[in-house]
Amino acid sequence: MIAAPYPHTLLARYAPVALADLESVALLDRTDTKYLLTVAQLSAALEAVAGDYRVLEVGGARLHHYRTLYFDTPDLTLFRHHHAGKAVRHKVRSRAYVDTGLSFLEVKEKNNKGRTVKHRIPTDGLVSDLHSQGGSFVAAHAPVEPGALQPALWNDFHRITLVGTRHAERLTVDLGLSFQTDARHTATLPGIAIAELKQNGVDRTSPFMRQMRAAHVQPAGMSKYCVGVSLLHEGVRHNAFKPTLRAVEKLMEAARREPDLG
């Protein structure tokens, strides 16, 4: 896991919001708009919208470590559903909020209306075996038998969570992304960020969305799970994700030419 890569002086300009206050914008049924950025692009954008959002602060920290374990079948059924562009698709994952000690088992569904619906239950730490914990929950929300699922991909990142001051929206920013299937197979995406705007419905007056238009940054679909599998699972068909992988590589190359913002 690489060090958390973000200039804390910029985050200090944001007013804080407590974890308990996020419930009003939980948005477990929502629309998502994603953007791929270099850290320098992100810094410029967040500086411009500092008055429009508050930042999640927990224990004095504003940048939080997340660890996720994704589950799939041995032949990667859930990944293949995404690759085929199925209108309804799912991810099954165990996620640990490392800094707070909270953990959840989650089923994330993209439905045929383009909305993201997330179901989750609290767990005692990361779940690596659905036979021991969470099997009935997964059976109720995913299209595969829990017994057919096994660990497929680890993903670590650091996240900034912003809450709109005048708009009912959340903006999450993931940095320092790394993927792992085992000790010998790892991949990192240095110098880039995934910004995801979460709203009840697409509101183009969103300050961050307006800032992205002003900077000529277009929305870009990117699944961390699908990118990680494409990079690390040898032989898996991933033609549909090659444009995303090329965009990521292009951004990483641009980031290597940018000054260090740490």
C-alpha atoms as a PDB file:
ATOM      1  CA  MET A   1       0.000   0.000   0.000  1.00  0.00           C
ATOM      2  CA  ILE A   2       1.487   3.331  -1.017  1.00  0.00           C
ATOM      3  CA  ALA A   3       1.363   6.380   1.211  1.00  0.00           C
ATOM      4  CA  ALA A   4      -1.752   8.526   1.173  1.00  0.00           C
ATOM      5  CA  PRO A   5      -1.008  11.001  -1.637  1.00  0.00           C
ATOM      6  CA  TYR A   6      -2.792  14.289  -1.013  1.00  0.00           C
ATOM      7  CA  PRO A   7      -1.898  17.854   0.029  1.00  0.00           C
ATOM      8  CA  HIS A   8      -3.506  18.238   3.442  1.00  0.00           C
ATOM      9  CA  THR A   9      -3.228  22.023   3.266  1.00  0.00           C
ATOM     10  CA  LEU A  10      -5.951  22.034   0.594  1.00  0.00           C
ATOM     11  CA  LEU A  11      -8.317  19.872   2.651  1.00  0.00           C
ATOM     12  CA  ALA A  12      -7.803  22.236   5.591  1.00  0.00           C
ATOM     13  CA  ARG A  13      -9.783  24.874   3.679  1.00  0.00           C
ATOM     14  CA  TYR A  14     -12.971  22.819   3.967  1.00  0.00           C
ATOM     15  CA  ALA A  15     -15.365  23.021   6.903  1.00  0.00           C
ATOM     16  CA  PRO A  16     -15.763  19.602   8.574  1.00  0.00           C
ATOM     17  CA  VAL A  17     -18.767  17.291   8.695  1.00  0.00           C
ATOM     18  CA  ALA A  18     -19.136  14.455  11.216  1.00  0.00           C
ATOM     19  CA  LEU A  19     -19.749  10.822  10.310  1.00  0.00           C
ATOM     20  CA  ALA A  20     -23.175  10.877  11.997  1.00  0.00           C
ATOM     21  CA  ASP A  21     -24.256  13.755   9.749  1.00  0.00           C
ATOM     22  CA  LEU A  22     -23.729  11.696   6.583  1.00  0.00           C
ATOM     23  CA  GLU A  23     -26.943   9.749   7.197  1.00  0.00           C
ATOM     24  CA  SER A  24     -28.977  12.561   5.645  1.00  0.00           C
ATOM     25  CA  VAL A  25     -27.117  12.026   2.361  1.00  0.00           C
ATOM     26  CA  ALA A  26     -26.543   8.268   2.537  1.00  0.00           C
ATOM     27  CA  LEU A  27     -27.929   7.955  -1.028  1.00  0.00           C
ATOM     28  CA  LEU A  28     -28.026   4.167  -1.085  1.00  0.00           C
ATOM     29  CA  ASP A  29     -30.350   4.506  -4.111  1.00  0.00           C
ATOM     30  CA  ARG A  30     -28.815   7.069  -6.425  1.00  0.00           C
ATOM     31  CA  THR A  31     -27.258   8.128  -9.704  1.00  0.00           C
ATOM     32  CA  ASP A  32     -23.463   8.190 -10.022  1.00  0.00           C
ATOM     33  CA  THR A  33     -21.275  10.369 -12.230  1.00  0.00           C
ATOM     34  CA  LYS A  34     -17.562   9.506 -12.305  1.00  0.00           C
ATOM     35  CA  TYR A  35     -14.540  11.471 -13.453  1.00  0.00           C
ATOM     36  CA  LEU A  36     -10.928  10.349 -13.956  1.00  0.00           C
ATOM     37  CA  LEU A  37      -8.378  13.008 -13.027  1.00  0.00           C
ATOM     38  CA  THR A  38      -4.749  13.534 -12.262  1.00  0.00           C
ATOM     39  CA  VAL A  39      -4.107  14.670  -8.706  1.00  0.00           C
ATOM     40  CA  ALA A  40      -3.118  18.107 -10.046  1.00  0.00           C
ATOM     41  CA  GLN A  41      -6.431  18.417 -11.918  1.00  0.00           C
ATOM     42  CA  LEU A  42      -8.262  17.335  -8.799  1.00  0.00           C
ATOM     43  CA  SER A  43      -6.431  19.859  -6.631  1.00  0.00           C
ATOM     44  CA  ALA A  44      -7.421  22.705  -8.948  1.00  0.00           C
ATOM     45  CA  ALA A  45     -11.052  21.574  -8.960  1.00  0.00           C
ATOM     46  CA  LEU A  46     -11.327  21.126  -5.204  1.00  0.00           C
ATOM     47  CA  GLU A  47      -9.726  24.491  -4.582  1.00  0.00           C
ATOM     48  CA  ALA A  48     -12.388  26.076  -6.799  1.00  0.00           C
ATOM     49  CA  VAL A  49     -15.347  24.466  -4.976  1.00  0.00           C
ATOM     50  CA  ALA A  50     -14.098  24.615  -1.377  1.00  0.00           C
ATOM     51  CA  GLY A  51     -17.001  26.849  -0.342  1.00  0.00           C
ATOM     52  CA  ASP A  52     -19.611  24.469  -1.749  1.00  0.00           C
ATOM     53  CA  TYR A  53     -18.795  21.322   0.257  1.00  0.00           C
ATOM     54  CA  ARG A  54     -17.848  20.141   3.724  1.00  0.00           C
ATOM     55  CA  VAL A  55     -15.328  17.349   4.252  1.00  0.00           C
ATOM     56  CA  LEU A  56     -15.827  14.247   6.374  1.00  0.00           C
ATOM     57  CA  GLU A  57     -13.549  14.390   9.394  1.00  0.00           C
ATOM     58  CA  VAL A  58     -13.088  11.418  11.726  1.00  0.00           C
ATOM     59  CA  GLY A  59     -10.641  11.606  14.599  1.00  0.00           C
ATOM     60  CA  GLY A  60      -9.047  14.677  13.053  1.00  0.00           C
ATOM     61  CA  ALA A  61      -8.369  12.853   9.768  1.00  0.00           C
ATOM     62  CA  ARG A  62      -9.854  13.918   6.446  1.00  0.00           C
ATOM     63  CA  LEU A  63      -8.284  11.245   4.266  1.00  0.00           C
ATOM     64  CA  HIS A  64      -9.424   7.723   5.092  1.00  0.00           C
ATOM     65  CA  HIS A  65      -8.053   4.274   4.244  1.00  0.00           C
ATOM     66  CA  TYR A  66     -10.520   1.795   2.712  1.00  0.00           C
ATOM     67  CA  ARG A  67      -9.851  -1.894   2.084  1.00  0.00           C
ATOM     68  CA  THR A  68     -12.203  -3.932  -0.092  1.00  0.00           C
ATOM     69  CA  LEU A  69     -12.408  -7.627  -0.931  1.00  0.00           C
ATOM     70  CA  TYR A  70     -14.519  -8.431  -3.992  1.00  0.00           C
ATOM     71  CA  PHE A  71     -16.175 -11.815  -4.479  1.00  0.00           C
ATOM     72  CA  ASP A  72     -16.943 -13.554  -7.746  1.00  0.00           C
ATOM     73  CA  THR A  73     -17.427 -17.058  -9.096  1.00  0.00           C
ATOM     74  CA  PRO A  74     -14.385 -19.059 -10.297  1.00  0.00           C
ATOM     75  CA  ASP A  75     -15.238 -18.108 -13.890  1.00  0.00           C
ATOM     76  CA  LEU A  76     -15.878 -14.440 -12.906  1.00  0.00           C
ATOM     77  CA  THR A  77     -19.604 -14.371 -13.657  1.00  0.00           C
ATOM     78  CA  LEU A  78     -20.164 -10.931 -12.117  1.00  0.00           C
ATOM     79  CA  PHE A  79     -17.184  -9.464 -13.972  1.00  0.00           C
ATOM     80  CA  ARG A  80     -18.450 -10.967 -17.240  1.00  0.00           C
ATOM     81  CA  HIS A  81     -21.890  -9.415 -16.673  1.00  0.00           C
ATOM     82  CA  HIS A  82     -20.186  -6.017 -16.526  1.00  0.00           C
ATOM     83  CA  HIS A  83     -18.067  -6.793 -19.582  1.00  0.00           C
ATOM     84  CA  ALA A  84     -21.142  -7.820 -21.565  1.00  0.00           C
ATOM     85  CA  GLY A  85     -22.859  -4.546 -20.652  1.00  0.00           C
ATOM     86  CA  LYS A  86     -25.818  -6.209 -18.980  1.00  0.00           C
ATOM     87  CA  ALA A  87     -28.404  -3.640 -17.938  1.00  0.00           C
ATOM     88  CA  VAL A  88     -28.630  -5.165 -14.455  1.00  0.00           C
ATOM     89  CA  ARG A  89     -25.331  -6.094 -12.840  1.00  0.00           C
ATOM     90  CA  HIS A  90     -23.942  -6.609  -9.359  1.00  0.00           C
ATOM     91  CA  LYS A  91     -20.838  -6.474  -7.218  1.00  0.00           C
ATOM     92  CA  VAL A  92     -20.436  -8.393  -3.969  1.00  0.00           C
ATOM     93  CA  ARG A  93     -17.806  -7.029  -1.619  1.00  0.00           C
ATOM     94  CA  SER A  94     -16.625  -6.814   1.960  1.00  0.00           C
ATOM     95  CA  ARG A  95     -15.355  -3.354   2.855  1.00  0.00           C
ATOM     96  CA  ALA A  96     -13.394  -2.170   5.875  1.00  0.00           C
ATOM     97  CA  TYR A  97     -13.189   1.468   6.868  1.00  0.00           C
ATOM     98  CA  VAL A  98      -9.741   0.962   8.331  1.00  0.00           C
ATOM     99  CA  ASP A  99      -9.492   4.200  10.314  1.00  0.00           C
ATOM    100  CA  THR A 100     -12.828   3.782  12.114  1.00  0.00           C
ATOM    101  CA  GLY A 101     -12.842  -0.002  12.530  1.00  0.00           C
ATOM    102  CA  LEU A 102     -16.219  -0.300  10.775  1.00  0.00           C
ATOM    103  CA  SER A 103     -16.822  -3.088   8.251  1.00  0.00           C
ATOM    104  CA  PHE A 104     -19.737  -3.949   5.984  1.00  0.00           C
ATOM    105  CA  LEU A 105     -20.754  -6.676   3.575  1.00  0.00           C
ATOM    106  CA  GLU A 106     -22.280  -5.039   0.518  1.00  0.00           C
ATOM    107  CA  VAL A 107     -24.159  -5.947  -2.638  1.00  0.00           C
ATOM    108  CA  LYS A 108     -24.082  -3.104  -5.140  1.00  0.00           C
ATOM    109  CA  GLU A 109     -26.578  -3.243  -8.001  1.00  0.00           C
ATOM    110  CA  LYS A 110     -26.758  -1.148 -11.138  1.00  0.00           C
ATOM    111  CA  ASN A 111     -30.349  -1.485 -12.316  1.00  0.00           C
ATOM    112  CA  ASN A 112     -31.929  -1.126 -15.747  1.00  0.00           C
ATOM    113  CA  LYS A 113     -32.861   2.488 -14.971  1.00  0.00           C
ATOM    114  CA  GLY A 114     -29.210   3.443 -14.595  1.00  0.00           C
ATOM    115  CA  ARG A 115     -29.478   3.833 -10.835  1.00  0.00           C
ATOM    116  CA  THR A 116     -27.102   2.401  -8.257  1.00  0.00           C
ATOM    117  CA  VAL A 117     -28.726   0.610  -5.318  1.00  0.00           C
ATOM    118  CA  LYS A 118     -26.496  -0.495  -2.462  1.00  0.00           C
ATOM    119  CA  HIS A 119     -27.503  -3.019   0.193  1.00  0.00           C
ATOM    120  CA  ARG A 120     -25.220  -3.562   3.164  1.00  0.00           C
ATOM    121  CA  ILE A 121     -24.992  -5.086   6.627  1.00  0.00           C
ATOM    122  CA  PRO A 122     -22.391  -4.480   9.360  1.00  0.00           C
ATOM    123  CA  THR A 123     -19.879  -7.278   9.934  1.00  0.00           C
ATOM    124  CA  ASP A 124     -17.200  -8.215  12.429  1.00  0.00           C
ATOM    125  CA  GLY A 125     -14.208  -7.214  10.331  1.00  0.00           C
ATOM    126  CA  LEU A 126     -13.598  -8.093   6.704  1.00  0.00           C
ATOM    127  CA  VAL A 127     -15.479 -11.153   5.495  1.00  0.00           C
ATOM    128  CA  SER A 128     -13.405 -13.593   3.444  1.00  0.00           C
ATOM    129  CA  ASP A 129     -15.710 -16.623   3.656  1.00  0.00           C
ATOM    130  CA  LEU A 130     -19.410 -16.223   2.888  1.00  0.00           C
ATOM    131  CA  HIS A 131     -20.114 -19.608   4.452  1.00  0.00           C
ATOM    132  CA  SER A 132     -19.263 -18.203   7.872  1.00  0.00           C
ATOM    133  CA  GLN A 133     -20.901 -14.788   7.616  1.00  0.00           C
ATOM    134  CA  GLY A 134     -23.339 -13.029   5.306  1.00  0.00           C
ATOM    135  CA  GLY A 135     -24.427 -15.862   3.030  1.00  0.00           C
ATOM    136  CA  SER A 136     -28.160 -15.314   3.516  1.00  0.00           C
ATOM    137  CA  PHE A 137     -27.759 -11.571   2.966  1.00  0.00           C
ATOM    138  CA  VAL A 138     -25.947 -12.127  -0.343  1.00  0.00           C
ATOM    139  CA  ALA A 139     -28.537 -14.706  -1.415  1.00  0.00           C
ATOM    140  CA  ALA A 140     -31.284 -12.123  -0.908  1.00  0.00           C
ATOM    141  CA  HIS A 141     -29.685  -9.453  -3.102  1.00  0.00           C
ATOM    142  CA  ALA A 142     -27.321 -11.045  -5.652  1.00  0.00           C
ATOM    143  CA  PRO A 143     -28.109 -13.268  -8.668  1.00  0.00           C
ATOM    144  CA  VAL A 144     -25.568 -15.943  -7.703  1.00  0.00           C
ATOM    145  CA  GLU A 145     -25.479 -18.538  -4.949  1.00  0.00           C
ATOM    146  CA  PRO A 146     -23.237 -17.425  -2.065  1.00  0.00           C
ATOM    147  CA  GLY A 147     -21.595 -20.851  -2.059  1.00  0.00           C
ATOM    148  CA  ALA A 148     -20.360 -20.215  -5.603  1.00  0.00           C
ATOM    149  CA  LEU A 149     -18.556 -17.011  -4.627  1.00  0.00           C
ATOM    150  CA  GLN A 150     -14.909 -16.791  -3.644  1.00  0.00           C
ATOM    151  CA  PRO A 151     -12.419 -13.945  -3.082  1.00  0.00           C
ATOM    152  CA  ALA A 152     -11.462 -12.468  -6.462  1.00  0.00           C
ATOM    153  CA  LEU A 153      -9.689  -9.157  -5.855  1.00  0.00           C
ATOM    154  CA  TRP A 154      -8.334  -6.977  -3.039  1.00  0.00           C
ATOM    155  CA  ASN A 155      -8.470  -3.202  -3.469  1.00  0.00           C
ATOM    156  CA  ASP A 156      -6.969  -0.504  -1.237  1.00  0.00           C
ATOM    157  CA  PHE A 157      -7.333   3.252  -1.596  1.00  0.00           C
ATOM    158  CA  HIS A 158      -7.611   6.485   0.365  1.00  0.00           C
ATOM    159  CA  ARG A 159     -10.854   8.445   0.178  1.00  0.00           C
ATOM    160  CA  ILE A 160     -11.953  12.016   0.666  1.00  0.00           C
ATOM    161  CA  THR A 161     -15.707  12.366   1.254  1.00  0.00           C
ATOM    162  CA  LEU A 162     -17.377  15.720   0.614  1.00  0.00           C
ATOM    163  CA  VAL A 163     -20.983  16.718   1.328  1.00  0.00           C
ATOM    164  CA  GLY A 164     -22.711  19.537  -0.532  1.00  0.00           C
ATOM    165  CA  THR A 165     -23.596  22.605   1.513  1.00  0.00           C
ATOM    166  CA  ARG A 166     -26.501  23.606  -0.747  1.00  0.00           C
ATOM    167  CA  HIS A 167     -26.993  20.503  -2.891  1.00  0.00           C
ATOM    168  CA  ALA A 168     -28.105  17.081  -1.599  1.00  0.00           C
ATOM    169  CA  GLU A 169     -25.080  15.258  -2.928  1.00  0.00           C
ATOM    170  CA  ARG A 170     -21.889  13.542  -1.887  1.00  0.00           C
ATOM    171  CA  LEU A 171     -18.594  13.595  -3.710  1.00  0.00           C
ATOM    172  CA  THR A 172     -16.069  10.857  -3.027  1.00  0.00           C
ATOM    173  CA  VAL A 173     -12.497  11.051  -4.250  1.00  0.00           C
ATOM    174  CA  ASP A 174     -10.363   7.897  -4.301  1.00  0.00           C
ATOM    175  CA  LEU A 175      -6.573   8.124  -4.519  1.00  0.00           C
ATOM    176  CA  GLY A 176      -3.589   5.835  -4.161  1.00  0.00           C
ATOM    177  CA  LEU A 177      -5.420   2.890  -5.686  1.00  0.00           C
ATOM    178  CA  SER A 178      -3.830  -0.540  -5.505  1.00  0.00           C
ATOM    179  CA  PHE A 179      -5.069  -4.012  -6.442  1.00  0.00           C
ATOM    180  CA  GLN A 180      -3.958  -7.462  -5.391  1.00  0.00           C
ATOM    181  CA  THR A 181      -4.937 -11.066  -6.009  1.00  0.00           C
ATOM    182  CA  ASP A 182      -2.027 -12.581  -4.092  1.00  0.00           C
ATOM    183  CA  ALA A 183       1.443 -11.590  -2.915  1.00  0.00           C
ATOM    184  CA  ARG A 184       2.891 -11.947  -6.423  1.00  0.00           C
ATOM    185  CA  HIS A 185       0.174 -10.197  -8.406  1.00  0.00           C
ATOM    186  CA  THR A 186      -0.320  -6.514  -7.625  1.00  0.00           C
ATOM    187  CA  ALA A 187      -0.997  -3.308  -9.551  1.00  0.00           C
ATOM    188  CA  THR A 188      -1.106   0.366  -8.597  1.00  0.00           C
ATOM    189  CA  LEU A 189      -2.534   3.488 -10.257  1.00  0.00           C
ATOM    190  CA  PRO A 190      -0.228   6.268  -9.017  1.00  0.00           C
ATOM    191  CA  GLY A 191      -0.975   9.928  -9.567  1.00  0.00           C
ATOM    192  CA  ILE A 192      -4.632   9.599 -10.530  1.00  0.00           C
ATOM    193  CA  ALA A 193      -7.945  10.053  -8.761  1.00  0.00           C
ATOM    194  CA  ILE A 194     -11.476   8.778  -9.258  1.00  0.00           C
ATOM    195  CA  ALA A 195     -14.068  11.397  -8.349  1.00  0.00           C
ATOM    196  CA  GLU A 196     -17.629  10.124  -8.025  1.00  0.00           C
ATOM    197  CA  LEU A 197     -20.597  12.445  -7.648  1.00  0.00           C
ATOM    198  CA  LYS A 198     -23.543  10.743  -5.934  1.00  0.00           C
ATOM    199  CA  GLN A 199     -26.972  12.339  -6.310  1.00  0.00           C
ATOM    200  CA  ASN A 200     -30.615  11.340  -6.047  1.00  0.00           C
ATOM    201  CA  GLY A 201     -30.943  12.339  -9.693  1.00  0.00           C
ATOM    202  CA  VAL A 202     -28.515  13.988 -12.083  1.00  0.00           C
ATOM    203  CA  ASP A 203     -28.349  17.681 -11.140  1.00  0.00           C
ATOM    204  CA  ARG A 204     -26.177  19.536 -13.614  1.00  0.00           C
ATOM    205  CA  THR A 205     -26.103  22.626 -11.376  1.00  0.00           C
ATOM    206  CA  SER A 206     -23.813  20.705  -9.011  1.00  0.00           C
ATOM    207  CA  PRO A 207     -20.762  22.883  -8.243  1.00  0.00           C
ATOM    208  CA  PHE A 208     -18.344  20.029  -8.922  1.00  0.00           C
ATOM    209  CA  MET A 209     -20.091  19.082 -12.162  1.00  0.00           C
ATOM    210  CA  ARG A 210     -19.944  22.706 -13.300  1.00  0.00           C
ATOM    211  CA  GLN A 211     -16.254  22.807 -12.439  1.00  0.00           C
ATOM    212  CA  MET A 212     -15.615  19.663 -14.467  1.00  0.00           C
ATOM    213  CA  ARG A 213     -17.343  21.222 -17.481  1.00  0.00           C
ATOM    214  CA  ALA A 214     -15.277  24.387 -17.077  1.00  0.00           C
ATOM    215  CA  ALA A 215     -12.104  22.275 -17.020  1.00  0.00           C
ATOM    216  CA  HIS A 216     -13.273  20.266 -20.069  1.00  0.00           C
ATOM    217  CA  VAL A 217     -13.216  17.007 -18.099  1.00  0.00           C
ATOM    218  CA  GLN A 218     -15.873  14.596 -19.332  1.00  0.00           C
ATOM    219  CA  PRO A 219     -17.621  11.932 -17.214  1.00  0.00           C
ATOM    220  CA  ALA A 220     -15.931   8.547 -17.529  1.00  0.00           C
ATOM    221  CA  GLY A 221     -17.317   5.200 -16.511  1.00  0.00           C
ATOM    222  CA  MET A 222     -14.815   3.214 -14.481  1.00  0.00           C
ATOM    223  CA  SER A 223     -15.320   0.236 -12.201  1.00  0.00           C
ATOM    224  CA  LYS A 224     -12.433  -0.305  -9.801  1.00  0.00           C
ATOM    225  CA  TYR A 225     -13.313  -3.992  -9.695  1.00  0.00           C
ATOM    226  CA  CYS A 226     -13.343  -4.398 -13.468  1.00  0.00           C
ATOM    227  CA  VAL A 227     -10.080  -2.493 -13.897  1.00  0.00           C
ATOM    228  CA  GLY A 228      -8.377  -4.561 -11.203  1.00  0.00           C
ATOM    229  CA  VAL A 229      -9.561  -7.855 -12.687  1.00  0.00           C
ATOM    230  CA  SER A 230      -8.520  -6.750 -16.178  1.00  0.00           C
ATOM    231  CA  LEU A 231      -5.032  -5.927 -14.914  1.00  0.00           C
ATOM    232  CA  LEU A 232      -4.424  -8.982 -12.742  1.00  0.00           C
ATOM    233  CA  HIS A 233      -6.494 -11.949 -13.946  1.00  0.00           C
ATOM    234  CA  GLU A 234      -4.487 -13.370 -16.824  1.00  0.00           C
ATOM    235  CA  GLY A 235      -6.450 -14.576 -19.811  1.00  0.00           C
ATOM    236  CA  VAL A 236      -9.722 -12.901 -18.850  1.00  0.00           C
ATOM    237  CA  ARG A 237     -11.493 -11.283 -21.787  1.00  0.00           C
ATOM    238  CA  HIS A 238     -11.580  -7.507 -21.190  1.00  0.00           C
ATOM    239  CA  ASN A 239     -11.873  -5.893 -24.630  1.00  0.00           C
ATOM    240  CA  ALA A 240     -14.765  -3.708 -23.473  1.00  0.00           C
ATOM    241  CA  PHE A 241     -12.561  -2.155 -20.792  1.00  0.00           C
ATOM    242  CA  LYS A 242      -9.545  -1.414 -22.995  1.00  0.00           C
ATOM    243  CA  PRO A 243     -10.620   2.217 -23.640  1.00  0.00           C
ATOM    244  CA  THR A 244     -10.790   2.768 -19.873  1.00  0.00           C
ATOM    245  CA  LEU A 245      -7.408   1.114 -19.356  1.00  0.00           C
ATOM    246  CA  ARG A 246      -5.894   3.313 -22.083  1.00  0.00           C
ATOM    247  CA  ALA A 247      -7.405   6.416 -20.468  1.00  0.00           C
ATOM    248  CA  VAL A 248      -5.950   5.394 -17.105  1.00  0.00           C
ATOM    249  CA  GLU A 249      -2.507   4.813 -18.618  1.00  0.00           C
ATOM    250  CA  LYS A 250      -2.655   8.188 -20.379  1.00  0.00           C
ATOM    251  CA  LEU A 251      -3.551   9.925 -17.111  1.00  0.00           C
ATOM    252  CA  MET A 252      -0.767   8.168 -15.218  1.00  0.00           C
ATOM    253  CA  GLU A 253       1.699   9.330 -17.865  1.00  0.00           C
ATOM    254  CA  ALA A 254       0.395  12.906 -17.519  1.00  0.00           C
ATOM    255  CA  ALA A 255       0.644  12.643 -13.735  1.00  0.00           C
ATOM    256  CA  ARG A 256       4.295  11.622 -13.983  1.00  0.00           C
ATOM    257  CA  ARG A 257       5.002  14.960 -15.668  1.00  0.00           C
ATOM    258  CA  GLU A 258       3.197  16.995 -12.996  1.00  0.00           C
ATOM    259  CA  PRO A 259       4.936  18.569  -9.985  1.00  0.00           C
ATOM    260  CA  ASP A 260       4.757  16.767  -6.646  1.00  0.00           C
ATOM    261  CA  LEU A 261       1.792  18.119  -4.676  1.00  0.00           C
ATOM    262  CA  GLY A 262       2.467  16.277  -1.430  1.00  0.00           C
END
